[in-house]
Amino acid sequence: MEADKSISALDKSKATAATHWRRSRYLTAFLLTSWFFLTFGILFFARELSAYTFFGWPFSFYMAAQGLTLFYVALLAIFSLWMRKIEDAYHTEISEKNPNLSQIKDSNLKDIR
């Protein structure tokens, strides 16, 4: 009977880990797709975007020199914040299933943060 409980707990842990990994992959795929299409779009449509000006410079030049860099920094911030949310949810689920792990997690987080 006790072996069934441990197998059940192991299956729940694997399901939780699989959910965490799936969310992480979706986030990464979304951000990489955004990165690709915005970078490609700005460079591909540079001639058309040159008709517009931004602070006296052609819009395509501004986006290539400054705008995309700001977008990349924003992507990093989104990734960091969203991954923290995913990680916190994962650690909460794990600690609810195994109370001994919550003590380890708390001591490790004090060292990190």
C-alpha atoms as a PDB file:
ATOM      1  CA  MET A   1       0.000   0.000   0.000  1.00  0.00           C
ATOM      2  CA  GLU A   2       2.828   2.404   0.846  1.00  0.00           C
ATOM      3  CA  ALA A   3       4.545   1.577  -2.444  1.00  0.00           C
ATOM      4  CA  ASP A   4       1.397   2.718  -4.281  1.00  0.00           C
ATOM      5  CA  LYS A   5       1.542   6.079  -2.486  1.00  0.00           C
ATOM      6  CA  SER A   6       5.164   6.629  -3.440  1.00  0.00           C
ATOM      7  CA  ILE A   7       4.464   5.705  -7.073  1.00  0.00           C
ATOM      8  CA  SER A   8       1.521   8.074  -7.104  1.00  0.00           C
ATOM      9  CA  ALA A   9       3.649  10.882  -5.649  1.00  0.00           C
ATOM     10  CA  LEU A  10       6.337  10.177  -8.238  1.00  0.00           C
ATOM     11  CA  ASP A  11       3.794  10.324 -11.066  1.00  0.00           C
ATOM     12  CA  LYS A  12       2.498  13.658  -9.750  1.00  0.00           C
ATOM     13  CA  SER A  13       6.030  15.030  -9.572  1.00  0.00           C
ATOM     14  CA  LYS A  14       6.707  13.931 -13.139  1.00  0.00           C
ATOM     15  CA  ALA A  15       3.463  15.540 -14.307  1.00  0.00           C
ATOM     16  CA  THR A  16       4.355  18.764 -12.514  1.00  0.00           C
ATOM     17  CA  ALA A  17       7.833  18.758 -14.054  1.00  0.00           C
ATOM     18  CA  ALA A  18       6.372  18.067 -17.505  1.00  0.00           C
ATOM     19  CA  THR A  19       3.966  20.989 -17.121  1.00  0.00           C
ATOM     20  CA  HIS A  20       6.809  23.257 -16.022  1.00  0.00           C
ATOM     21  CA  TRP A  21       8.951  22.220 -18.991  1.00  0.00           C
ATOM     22  CA  ARG A  22       6.050  22.679 -21.441  1.00  0.00           C
ATOM     23  CA  ARG A  23       5.374  26.216 -20.169  1.00  0.00           C
ATOM     24  CA  SER A  24       9.067  27.074 -20.410  1.00  0.00           C
ATOM     25  CA  ARG A  25       9.259  25.802 -23.988  1.00  0.00           C
ATOM     26  CA  TYR A  26       6.139  27.731 -25.049  1.00  0.00           C
ATOM     27  CA  LEU A  27       7.546  30.933 -23.580  1.00  0.00           C
ATOM     28  CA  THR A  28      10.881  30.416 -25.312  1.00  0.00           C
ATOM     29  CA  ALA A  29       9.209  29.597 -28.637  1.00  0.00           C
ATOM     30  CA  PHE A  30       6.970  32.669 -28.401  1.00  0.00           C
ATOM     31  CA  LEU A  31       9.858  35.003 -27.628  1.00  0.00           C
ATOM     32  CA  LEU A  32      12.119  33.530 -30.332  1.00  0.00           C
ATOM     33  CA  THR A  33       9.316  33.854 -32.878  1.00  0.00           C
ATOM     34  CA  SER A  34       8.744  37.472 -31.839  1.00  0.00           C
ATOM     35  CA  TRP A  35      12.468  38.157 -32.114  1.00  0.00           C
ATOM     36  CA  PHE A  36      12.703  36.632 -35.582  1.00  0.00           C
ATOM     37  CA  PHE A  37       9.660  38.314 -37.097  1.00  0.00           C
ATOM     38  CA  LEU A  38      10.388  41.768 -35.740  1.00  0.00           C
ATOM     39  CA  THR A  39      14.042  41.643 -36.791  1.00  0.00           C
ATOM     40  CA  PHE A  40      13.203  40.225 -40.200  1.00  0.00           C
ATOM     41  CA  GLY A  41      10.283  42.630 -40.691  1.00  0.00           C
ATOM     42  CA  ILE A  42      12.295  45.749 -39.934  1.00  0.00           C
ATOM     43  CA  LEU A  43      15.151  44.724 -42.217  1.00  0.00           C
ATOM     44  CA  PHE A  44      12.924  43.423 -45.015  1.00  0.00           C
ATOM     45  CA  PHE A  45      10.715  46.530 -45.109  1.00  0.00           C
ATOM     46  CA  ALA A  46      13.551  49.039 -44.576  1.00  0.00           C
ATOM     47  CA  ARG A  47      12.916  50.868 -47.868  1.00  0.00           C
ATOM     48  CA  GLU A  48       9.225  51.318 -47.143  1.00  0.00           C
ATOM     49  CA  LEU A  49       9.939  52.433 -43.589  1.00  0.00           C
ATOM     50  CA  SER A  50      12.459  55.027 -44.803  1.00  0.00           C
ATOM     51  CA  ALA A  51       9.535  57.214 -45.895  1.00  0.00           C
ATOM     52  CA  TYR A  52       8.822  57.958 -42.223  1.00  0.00           C
ATOM     53  CA  THR A  53      11.094  59.947 -39.951  1.00  0.00           C
ATOM     54  CA  PHE A  54      11.673  59.651 -36.241  1.00  0.00           C
ATOM     55  CA  PHE A  55      13.585  62.486 -34.531  1.00  0.00           C
ATOM     56  CA  GLY A  56      14.877  63.547 -37.947  1.00  0.00           C
ATOM     57  CA  TRP A  57      16.199  60.107 -38.912  1.00  0.00           C
ATOM     58  CA  PRO A  58      14.624  57.598 -41.309  1.00  0.00           C
ATOM     59  CA  PHE A  59      12.483  55.215 -39.280  1.00  0.00           C
ATOM     60  CA  SER A  60      14.243  52.126 -40.646  1.00  0.00           C
ATOM     61  CA  PHE A  61      17.629  53.508 -39.574  1.00  0.00           C
ATOM     62  CA  TYR A  62      16.317  54.328 -36.102  1.00  0.00           C
ATOM     63  CA  MET A  63      14.753  50.884 -35.674  1.00  0.00           C
ATOM     64  CA  ALA A  64      17.914  49.119 -36.849  1.00  0.00           C
ATOM     65  CA  ALA A  65      20.194  51.237 -34.650  1.00  0.00           C
ATOM     66  CA  GLN A  66      18.121  51.798 -31.511  1.00  0.00           C
ATOM     67  CA  GLY A  67      14.606  50.387 -31.662  1.00  0.00           C
ATOM     68  CA  LEU A  68      15.503  46.749 -32.074  1.00  0.00           C
ATOM     69  CA  THR A  69      18.035  46.969 -29.277  1.00  0.00           C
ATOM     70  CA  LEU A  70      15.318  48.291 -26.966  1.00  0.00           C
ATOM     71  CA  PHE A  71      13.021  45.517 -28.150  1.00  0.00           C
ATOM     72  CA  TYR A  72      15.665  42.897 -27.343  1.00  0.00           C
ATOM     73  CA  VAL A  73      16.062  44.305 -23.831  1.00  0.00           C
ATOM     74  CA  ALA A  74      12.276  44.180 -23.448  1.00  0.00           C
ATOM     75  CA  LEU A  75      12.311  40.524 -24.564  1.00  0.00           C
ATOM     76  CA  LEU A  76      14.888  39.734 -21.880  1.00  0.00           C
ATOM     77  CA  ALA A  77      12.789  41.474 -19.237  1.00  0.00           C
ATOM     78  CA  ILE A  78       9.653  39.603 -20.332  1.00  0.00           C
ATOM     79  CA  PHE A  79      11.533  36.305 -20.264  1.00  0.00           C
ATOM     80  CA  SER A  80      12.934  36.977 -16.805  1.00  0.00           C
ATOM     81  CA  LEU A  81       9.621  38.036 -15.262  1.00  0.00           C
ATOM     82  CA  TRP A  82       7.577  35.308 -16.910  1.00  0.00           C
ATOM     83  CA  MET A  83      10.088  32.581 -16.028  1.00  0.00           C
ATOM     84  CA  ARG A  84      10.117  33.737 -12.406  1.00  0.00           C
ATOM     85  CA  LYS A  85       6.331  33.347 -12.383  1.00  0.00           C
ATOM     86  CA  ILE A  86       6.581  29.856 -13.920  1.00  0.00           C
ATOM     87  CA  GLU A  87       9.359  28.835 -11.503  1.00  0.00           C
ATOM     88  CA  ASP A  88       7.446  30.100  -8.465  1.00  0.00           C
ATOM     89  CA  ALA A  89       4.345  28.167  -9.518  1.00  0.00           C
ATOM     90  CA  TYR A  90       6.442  25.037 -10.044  1.00  0.00           C
ATOM     91  CA  HIS A  91       8.156  25.313  -6.658  1.00  0.00           C
ATOM     92  CA  THR A  92       4.827  25.953  -4.948  1.00  0.00           C
ATOM     93  CA  GLU A  93       3.349  22.795  -6.479  1.00  0.00           C
ATOM     94  CA  ILE A  94       6.401  20.738  -5.540  1.00  0.00           C
ATOM     95  CA  SER A  95       6.495  22.030  -1.963  1.00  0.00           C
ATOM     96  CA  GLU A  96       2.781  21.275  -1.515  1.00  0.00           C
ATOM     97  CA  LYS A  97       3.371  17.679  -2.581  1.00  0.00           C
ATOM     98  CA  ASN A  98       6.531  17.249  -0.520  1.00  0.00           C
ATOM     99  CA  PRO A  99       6.742  19.520   2.551  1.00  0.00           C
ATOM    100  CA  ASN A 100      10.394  18.596   3.183  1.00  0.00           C
ATOM    101  CA  LEU A 101      11.393  20.265  -0.076  1.00  0.00           C
ATOM    102  CA  SER A 102       9.896  23.607   0.941  1.00  0.00           C
ATOM    103  CA  GLN A 103      12.499  23.957   3.714  1.00  0.00           C
ATOM    104  CA  ILE A 104      15.304  23.272   1.238  1.00  0.00           C
ATOM    105  CA  LYS A 105      13.825  25.714  -1.294  1.00  0.00           C
ATOM    106  CA  ASP A 106      13.502  28.480   1.295  1.00  0.00           C
ATOM    107  CA  SER A 107      17.097  28.124   2.431  1.00  0.00           C
ATOM    108  CA  ASN A 108      18.355  28.091  -1.179  1.00  0.00           C
ATOM    109  CA  LEU A 109      16.341  31.155  -2.123  1.00  0.00           C
ATOM    110  CA  LYS A 110      17.827  33.119   0.764  1.00  0.00           C
ATOM    111  CA  ASP A 111      21.260  32.465  -0.721  1.00  0.00           C
ATOM    112  CA  ILE A 112      20.197  33.424  -4.240  1.00  0.00           C
ATOM    113  CA  ARG A 113      18.138  36.523  -3.497  1.00  0.00           C
END
